Amino acid sequence: MSKLVILTIYIAIGYGARKLKILSEEFSNGIVKLLLFISLPALILNIFLTSFDRSMVSQGIAMLIISFAIYILSTPIGYITARLMRLKRDQIGVTTFAVTFPNYTFIGIPVLTSILGEEVLMNASFGNLACSVAVYTLGMLTISKFGNETPGKKGLSLMAEKMLRMPVNYALLLGLILAVADVHPPQPIMDTLTGLANLTTPMAMIYIGATLTKNDPREILADWKVYIVAAIRLIAIPLVIYAVGRLFIEDEMFLDTLVVGSAIPTASFCALFAKEYGGDDVLASKYIFISTLLCLVTIPFVYITII
C-alpha cells in the first residue's frame, strides 16, 4: 500500500505544480517525449540486461498472446455498453475504445513495476507491445467505423508508421537480442540506463497529475456515462480476468501482471483518434479524465482483492 501512496503523492505534485504554473504546458508535453523516447526504453533495456532469464521469453510470448486476446474479447463488451447506454453514433466507437484499451505505456508499466516489482517488467513489456498493436489496429478502426472519417489507405499506413515509431518496442527487441547474445555493456552505460530508468515512475505520475488540470471537474462529474465506463474499465474487466485466469494460470505473478495491467485507466489515444476520425473527442477526454482520477482508488481495490 505504501507504494500506491507514493504514486498518489507524485500525481498530487504534478497536479499542484501545473495549477500553480510551476509546470508549463510545453514542459508537460516534454515529459511525454522524455518518457516515450528515453526513460521507458531505458527501463526496458535495463531489466533485460540485469535480470534476463531465457524462460522469461516463453512467458513474455504468452503474455503477448493472452493480452491481445483480452483486447479482442473486451471490444464487444465496450460496444454492448455503448448500445445499452443509447449513445449517438460518434460516441459508440469512443465508448468501445474507452472500455477496451488501457493507458499501458504511461501508466501501466510504472504502476506495475511500482506495485509488483521490477521482476514483472519483462512480461509487462510484452503486454505493452500487445496493447500498442491492438490500439493502432483494432482501436483505430473501432473509432473510425463510427466516426465521420475513415482511415482509408492513409490511415492504414499511419497505423504501421505509428507502430514503427514506438521506441519501447525497439527497446524490447534490442534488449532481447543483447540478452540472448549475452552482451553486457560497460558499467558506465549500465549505470546511465539505471539512472534514466529510475525517472520513469515519478515523471509518468507527475505528468498524469498535470493532465488532470486540463478539464473542468464539475462538467465531467455531472456526466453519468463516465462512471459506467470507468467501472467496467477499472473494476469489472480486471476482476473477470482474475476470476477466469486463476482457473488456468498457476503463476501468481503472471496473473497479477495481467490483472493489474487491465486495471489501468483509458488510453489517451482515445481522444486523439476521436479528433482525427470524427468521434466525440469531448466525451473521450471525459473518459480519460475520470478513469485516471478514479484509478487512484480502484487500483488499490483491485490489488487488495487479488492478493
Protein backbone atom coordinates (compact mmCIF):
# COMPACT_ATOMS: atom_id res chain seq x y z
CA MET A 1 0.00 0.00 0.00
CA SER A 2 2.88 2.36 0.69
CA LYS A 3 3.89 2.21 -2.98
CA LEU A 4 0.38 3.20 -4.02
CA VAL A 5 0.51 6.12 -1.60
CA ILE A 6 3.80 7.22 -3.19
CA LEU A 7 2.23 7.11 -6.67
CA THR A 8 -0.67 9.22 -5.41
CA ILE A 9 1.73 11.77 -3.95
CA TYR A 10 3.57 12.02 -7.28
CA ILE A 11 0.25 12.65 -9.05
CA ALA A 12 -0.69 15.30 -6.47
CA ILE A 13 2.67 17.01 -7.03
CA GLY A 14 2.06 17.09 -10.78
CA TYR A 15 -1.45 18.46 -10.30
CA GLY A 16 -0.30 21.16 -7.86
CA ALA A 17 2.71 22.13 -9.95
CA ARG A 18 0.57 22.60 -13.05
CA LYS A 19 -2.13 24.51 -11.17
CA LEU A 20 0.47 26.83 -9.66
CA LYS A 21 2.05 27.22 -13.12
CA ILE A 22 5.36 25.78 -11.91
CA LEU A 23 4.99 23.39 -14.84
CA SER A 24 4.11 24.93 -18.18
CA GLU A 25 2.05 23.20 -20.87
CA GLU A 26 5.19 22.90 -23.00
CA PHE A 27 7.14 21.28 -20.18
CA SER A 28 4.30 18.81 -19.53
CA ASN A 29 4.34 17.83 -23.20
CA GLY A 30 8.11 17.49 -22.95
CA ILE A 31 7.68 14.95 -20.16
CA VAL A 32 5.76 12.73 -22.59
CA LYS A 33 8.68 12.74 -25.04
CA LEU A 34 11.16 12.15 -22.22
CA LEU A 35 9.17 9.11 -21.10
CA LEU A 36 8.48 7.74 -24.56
CA PHE A 37 11.92 8.22 -26.11
CA ILE A 38 14.31 7.96 -23.15
CA SER A 39 13.23 6.70 -19.73
CA LEU A 40 10.80 3.92 -20.72
CA PRO A 41 13.20 2.39 -23.29
CA ALA A 42 15.98 2.67 -20.70
CA LEU A 43 13.80 0.91 -18.13
CA ILE A 44 13.11 -1.98 -20.51
CA LEU A 45 16.74 -2.29 -21.63
CA ASN A 46 17.94 -2.18 -18.04
CA ILE A 47 15.76 -5.07 -16.90
CA PHE A 48 16.74 -7.21 -19.90
CA LEU A 49 20.44 -6.62 -19.25
CA THR A 50 20.29 -7.21 -15.50
CA SER A 51 17.55 -9.78 -14.85
CA PHE A 52 17.16 -11.81 -18.05
CA ASP A 53 16.31 -15.49 -17.94
CA ARG A 54 15.61 -17.48 -21.11
CA SER A 55 12.45 -18.91 -19.57
CA MET A 56 11.11 -15.33 -19.50
CA VAL A 57 10.81 -15.31 -23.30
CA SER A 58 8.15 -18.03 -23.35
CA GLN A 59 6.28 -16.22 -20.58
CA GLY A 60 6.55 -12.96 -22.49
CA ILE A 61 5.10 -14.53 -25.65
CA ALA A 62 2.26 -15.99 -23.59
CA MET A 63 1.63 -12.50 -22.13
CA LEU A 64 1.58 -11.04 -25.65
CA ILE A 65 -0.98 -13.56 -26.92
CA ILE A 66 -3.25 -13.51 -23.86
CA SER A 67 -3.20 -9.71 -23.63
CA PHE A 68 -4.15 -9.34 -27.28
CA ALA A 69 -6.95 -11.87 -26.80
CA ILE A 70 -8.24 -9.82 -23.85
CA TYR A 71 -8.48 -6.71 -26.04
CA ILE A 72 -10.35 -8.63 -28.73
CA LEU A 73 -12.81 -10.03 -26.17
CA SER A 74 -13.21 -6.66 -24.41
CA THR A 75 -14.23 -4.88 -27.63
CA PRO A 76 -17.76 -6.36 -27.82
CA ILE A 77 -18.19 -5.56 -24.11
CA GLY A 78 -17.49 -1.91 -24.91
CA TYR A 79 -19.81 -1.99 -27.91
CA ILE A 80 -22.67 -3.56 -25.95
CA THR A 81 -22.15 -0.99 -23.19
CA ALA A 82 -22.43 1.84 -25.71
CA ARG A 83 -25.59 0.37 -27.24
CA LEU A 84 -27.25 -0.14 -23.85
CA MET A 85 -26.45 3.48 -22.99
CA ARG A 86 -28.18 4.52 -26.27
CA LEU A 87 -25.36 6.77 -27.36
CA LYS A 88 -25.04 8.74 -30.57
CA ARG A 89 -23.13 7.16 -33.43
CA ASP A 90 -19.98 9.26 -32.93
CA GLN A 91 -19.94 8.21 -29.25
CA ILE A 92 -20.20 4.45 -29.82
CA GLY A 93 -16.65 3.93 -31.11
CA VAL A 94 -15.22 6.25 -28.46
CA THR A 95 -17.02 4.37 -25.67
CA THR A 96 -15.97 0.99 -27.05
CA PHE A 97 -12.35 2.16 -27.14
CA ALA A 98 -12.55 3.63 -23.62
CA VAL A 99 -13.76 0.32 -22.19
CA THR A 100 -11.26 -1.79 -24.12
CA PHE A 101 -7.85 -0.10 -24.08
CA PRO A 102 -5.74 0.92 -21.05
CA ASN A 103 -3.00 3.54 -20.93
CA TYR A 104 -0.40 0.78 -20.67
CA THR A 105 2.72 2.71 -21.64
CA PHE A 106 2.46 5.81 -19.46
CA ILE A 107 0.54 4.40 -16.50
CA GLY A 108 0.58 0.61 -16.80
CA ILE A 109 4.32 -0.02 -16.81
CA PRO A 110 5.14 2.46 -13.98
CA VAL A 111 2.27 1.16 -11.83
CA LEU A 112 3.12 -2.49 -12.43
CA THR A 113 6.79 -2.06 -11.58
CA SER A 114 5.98 0.05 -8.54
CA ILE A 115 3.38 -2.34 -7.08
CA LEU A 116 4.62 -5.76 -8.17
CA GLY A 117 8.35 -5.06 -8.52
CA GLU A 118 10.75 -4.82 -11.45
CA GLU A 119 10.68 -8.59 -11.96
CA VAL A 120 7.35 -8.16 -13.79
CA LEU A 121 8.80 -5.70 -16.30
CA MET A 122 9.68 -8.40 -18.83
CA ASN A 123 6.09 -9.59 -19.01
CA ALA A 124 4.82 -6.00 -18.84
CA SER A 125 6.94 -5.12 -21.88
CA PHE A 126 5.25 -7.84 -23.91
CA GLY A 127 1.89 -6.74 -22.53
CA ASN A 128 2.64 -3.21 -23.67
CA LEU A 129 3.54 -4.50 -27.15
CA ALA A 130 0.18 -6.27 -27.36
CA CYS A 131 -1.59 -3.09 -26.30
CA SER A 132 0.31 -0.97 -28.83
CA VAL A 133 -0.56 -3.31 -31.70
CA ALA A 134 -4.21 -3.53 -30.61
CA VAL A 135 -4.61 0.24 -30.16
CA TYR A 136 -3.15 1.10 -33.58
CA THR A 137 -5.23 -1.54 -35.38
CA LEU A 138 -8.41 -2.59 -33.58
CA GLY A 139 -8.67 0.66 -31.59
CA MET A 140 -8.22 3.00 -34.53
CA LEU A 141 -10.64 1.01 -36.69
CA THR A 142 -13.24 0.93 -33.90
CA ILE A 143 -13.35 4.71 -33.53
CA SER A 144 -13.20 5.40 -37.26
CA LYS A 145 -16.03 2.95 -38.01
CA PHE A 146 -18.46 5.07 -36.00
CA GLY A 147 -16.87 8.45 -36.72
CA ASN A 148 -17.27 10.86 -39.59
CA GLU A 149 -13.92 10.00 -41.14
CA THR A 150 -12.47 6.66 -42.20
CA PRO A 151 -8.76 5.74 -42.14
CA GLY A 152 -8.56 4.50 -45.74
CA LYS A 153 -5.14 3.71 -47.12
CA LYS A 154 -3.65 6.76 -45.45
CA GLY A 155 -4.94 5.63 -42.06
CA LEU A 156 -3.70 2.10 -42.55
CA SER A 157 -0.23 3.35 -43.41
CA LEU A 158 -0.44 5.62 -40.37
CA MET A 159 -1.03 2.56 -38.18
CA ALA A 160 2.17 0.96 -39.42
CA GLU A 161 4.08 4.23 -39.12
CA LYS A 162 2.94 4.74 -35.51
CA MET A 163 3.94 1.21 -34.60
CA LEU A 164 7.40 1.70 -36.13
CA ARG A 165 7.83 4.96 -34.17
CA MET A 166 7.26 3.38 -30.75
CA PRO A 167 10.72 3.41 -29.08
CA VAL A 168 9.63 0.99 -26.35
CA ASN A 169 9.10 -1.71 -28.97
CA TYR A 170 12.63 -1.18 -30.31
CA ALA A 171 13.94 -1.33 -26.75
CA LEU A 172 12.15 -4.65 -26.28
CA LEU A 173 13.71 -6.06 -29.46
CA LEU A 174 17.19 -4.72 -28.69
CA GLY A 175 17.00 -5.95 -25.11
CA LEU A 176 16.07 -9.44 -26.28
CA ILE A 177 18.94 -9.53 -28.77
CA LEU A 178 21.54 -8.32 -26.26
CA ALA A 179 20.30 -10.62 -23.51
CA VAL A 180 20.17 -13.74 -25.69
CA ALA A 181 23.62 -12.92 -27.10
CA ASP A 182 24.84 -12.42 -23.52
CA VAL A 183 26.22 -8.97 -24.35
CA HIS A 184 26.93 -6.75 -21.34
CA PRO A 185 27.62 -3.04 -21.97
CA PRO A 186 30.31 -1.25 -19.91
CA GLN A 187 29.36 -0.32 -16.36
CA PRO A 188 29.02 3.45 -17.05
CA ILE A 189 26.37 2.67 -19.68
CA MET A 190 24.56 0.32 -17.29
CA ASP A 191 24.62 2.97 -14.56
CA THR A 192 23.25 5.51 -17.03
CA LEU A 193 20.41 3.17 -18.01
CA THR A 194 19.59 2.58 -14.35
CA GLY A 195 19.51 6.30 -13.62
CA LEU A 196 17.24 7.01 -16.60
CA ALA A 197 15.01 4.06 -15.72
CA ASN A 198 14.52 5.43 -12.21
CA LEU A 199 12.98 8.59 -13.73
CA THR A 200 10.08 6.68 -15.25
CA THR A 201 7.64 6.28 -12.39
CA PRO A 202 7.87 9.76 -10.81
CA MET A 203 7.86 11.53 -14.18
CA ALA A 204 4.92 9.48 -15.50
CA MET A 205 2.83 10.12 -12.39
CA ILE A 206 3.71 13.84 -12.34
CA TYR A 207 2.59 14.04 -15.97
CA ILE A 208 -0.70 12.31 -15.16
CA GLY A 209 -1.27 14.80 -12.34
CA ALA A 210 -0.61 17.70 -14.70
CA THR A 211 -3.10 16.37 -17.28
CA LEU A 212 -5.87 16.29 -14.67
CA THR A 213 -5.85 20.10 -14.63
CA LYS A 214 -6.96 20.35 -18.28
CA ASN A 215 -10.64 19.63 -17.71
CA ASP A 216 -13.42 21.24 -15.69
CA PRO A 217 -14.18 18.63 -13.00
CA ARG A 218 -17.71 19.94 -12.42
CA GLU A 219 -18.76 19.31 -16.01
CA ILE A 220 -17.19 15.84 -16.10
CA LEU A 221 -18.54 14.73 -12.72
CA ALA A 222 -22.08 15.59 -13.85
CA ASP A 223 -21.94 13.16 -16.82
CA TRP A 224 -23.32 9.76 -15.71
CA LYS A 225 -21.82 7.94 -18.70
CA VAL A 226 -18.25 8.30 -17.45
CA TYR A 227 -18.96 6.35 -14.26
CA ILE A 228 -20.37 3.34 -16.09
CA VAL A 229 -17.42 3.18 -18.46
CA ALA A 230 -14.92 3.73 -15.65
CA ALA A 231 -16.48 0.96 -13.56
CA ILE A 232 -16.18 -1.52 -16.43
CA ARG A 233 -12.69 -0.40 -17.47
CA LEU A 234 -11.20 -0.21 -13.96
CA ILE A 235 -13.03 -2.87 -11.96
CA ALA A 236 -15.24 -5.27 -13.94
CA ILE A 237 -12.74 -6.31 -16.62
CA PRO A 238 -9.80 -6.84 -14.22
CA LEU A 239 -11.90 -8.90 -11.80
CA VAL A 240 -13.31 -11.05 -14.61
CA ILE A 241 -9.76 -11.65 -15.85
CA TYR A 242 -8.76 -12.65 -12.32
CA ALA A 243 -11.76 -14.96 -11.84
CA VAL A 244 -11.13 -16.75 -15.14
CA GLY A 245 -7.34 -16.59 -15.02
CA ARG A 246 -6.99 -18.23 -11.62
CA LEU A 247 -8.64 -21.36 -13.08
CA PHE A 248 -5.93 -21.78 -15.73
CA ILE A 249 -2.84 -19.79 -14.69
CA GLU A 250 -0.68 -21.20 -11.90
CA ASP A 251 2.00 -18.48 -11.90
CA GLU A 252 0.64 -15.86 -9.49
CA MET A 253 2.98 -13.10 -10.64
CA PHE A 254 1.99 -13.67 -14.26
CA LEU A 255 -1.70 -13.50 -13.33
CA ASP A 256 -1.18 -10.42 -11.14
CA THR A 257 0.54 -8.69 -14.06
CA LEU A 258 -2.42 -9.47 -16.32
CA VAL A 259 -4.97 -8.28 -13.78
CA VAL A 260 -3.27 -5.07 -12.60
CA GLY A 261 -2.30 -4.29 -16.21
CA SER A 262 -6.01 -4.44 -17.04
CA ALA A 263 -6.98 -2.12 -14.17
CA ILE A 264 -5.35 0.88 -15.84
CA PRO A 265 -7.36 3.94 -17.00
CA THR A 266 -8.38 4.63 -20.58
CA ALA A 267 -5.59 5.25 -23.08
CA SER A 268 -5.05 8.88 -24.11
CA PHE A 269 -5.22 7.78 -27.76
CA CYS A 270 -8.99 7.65 -27.29
CA ALA A 271 -9.20 11.44 -27.57
CA LEU A 272 -6.55 11.67 -30.30
CA PHE A 273 -8.24 9.11 -32.56
CA ALA A 274 -11.68 10.62 -31.86
CA LYS A 275 -10.47 14.03 -33.01
CA GLU A 276 -8.78 12.53 -36.06
CA TYR A 277 -11.67 10.36 -37.24
CA GLY A 278 -14.76 12.33 -36.29
CA GLY A 279 -15.62 10.71 -32.96
CA ASP A 280 -16.83 12.62 -29.90
CA ASP A 281 -13.45 13.82 -28.63
CA VAL A 282 -15.05 15.76 -25.74
CA LEU A 283 -16.61 12.57 -24.37
CA ALA A 284 -13.29 10.77 -24.95
CA SER A 285 -11.49 13.38 -22.82
CA LYS A 286 -14.06 12.87 -20.08
CA TYR A 287 -13.48 9.12 -20.09
CA ILE A 288 -9.73 9.63 -19.83
CA PHE A 289 -10.03 12.19 -17.02
CA ILE A 290 -12.46 10.32 -14.78
CA SER A 291 -10.82 6.91 -15.23
CA THR A 292 -7.42 8.42 -14.43
CA LEU A 293 -8.84 10.15 -11.36
CA LEU A 294 -10.74 7.10 -10.09
CA CYS A 295 -7.82 4.71 -10.64
CA LEU A 296 -6.22 6.19 -7.52
CA VAL A 297 -8.92 4.29 -5.62
CA THR A 298 -9.72 1.38 -7.93
CA ILE A 299 -6.16 0.10 -8.48
CA PRO A 300 -5.63 -0.39 -4.71
CA PHE A 301 -9.07 -2.04 -4.55
CA VAL A 302 -8.25 -4.48 -7.36
CA TYR A 303 -4.78 -5.19 -5.94
CA ILE A 304 -6.13 -5.89 -2.45
CA THR A 305 -8.81 -8.14 -3.94
CA ILE A 306 -6.34 -10.39 -5.78
CA ILE A 307 -3.63 -10.73 -3.13
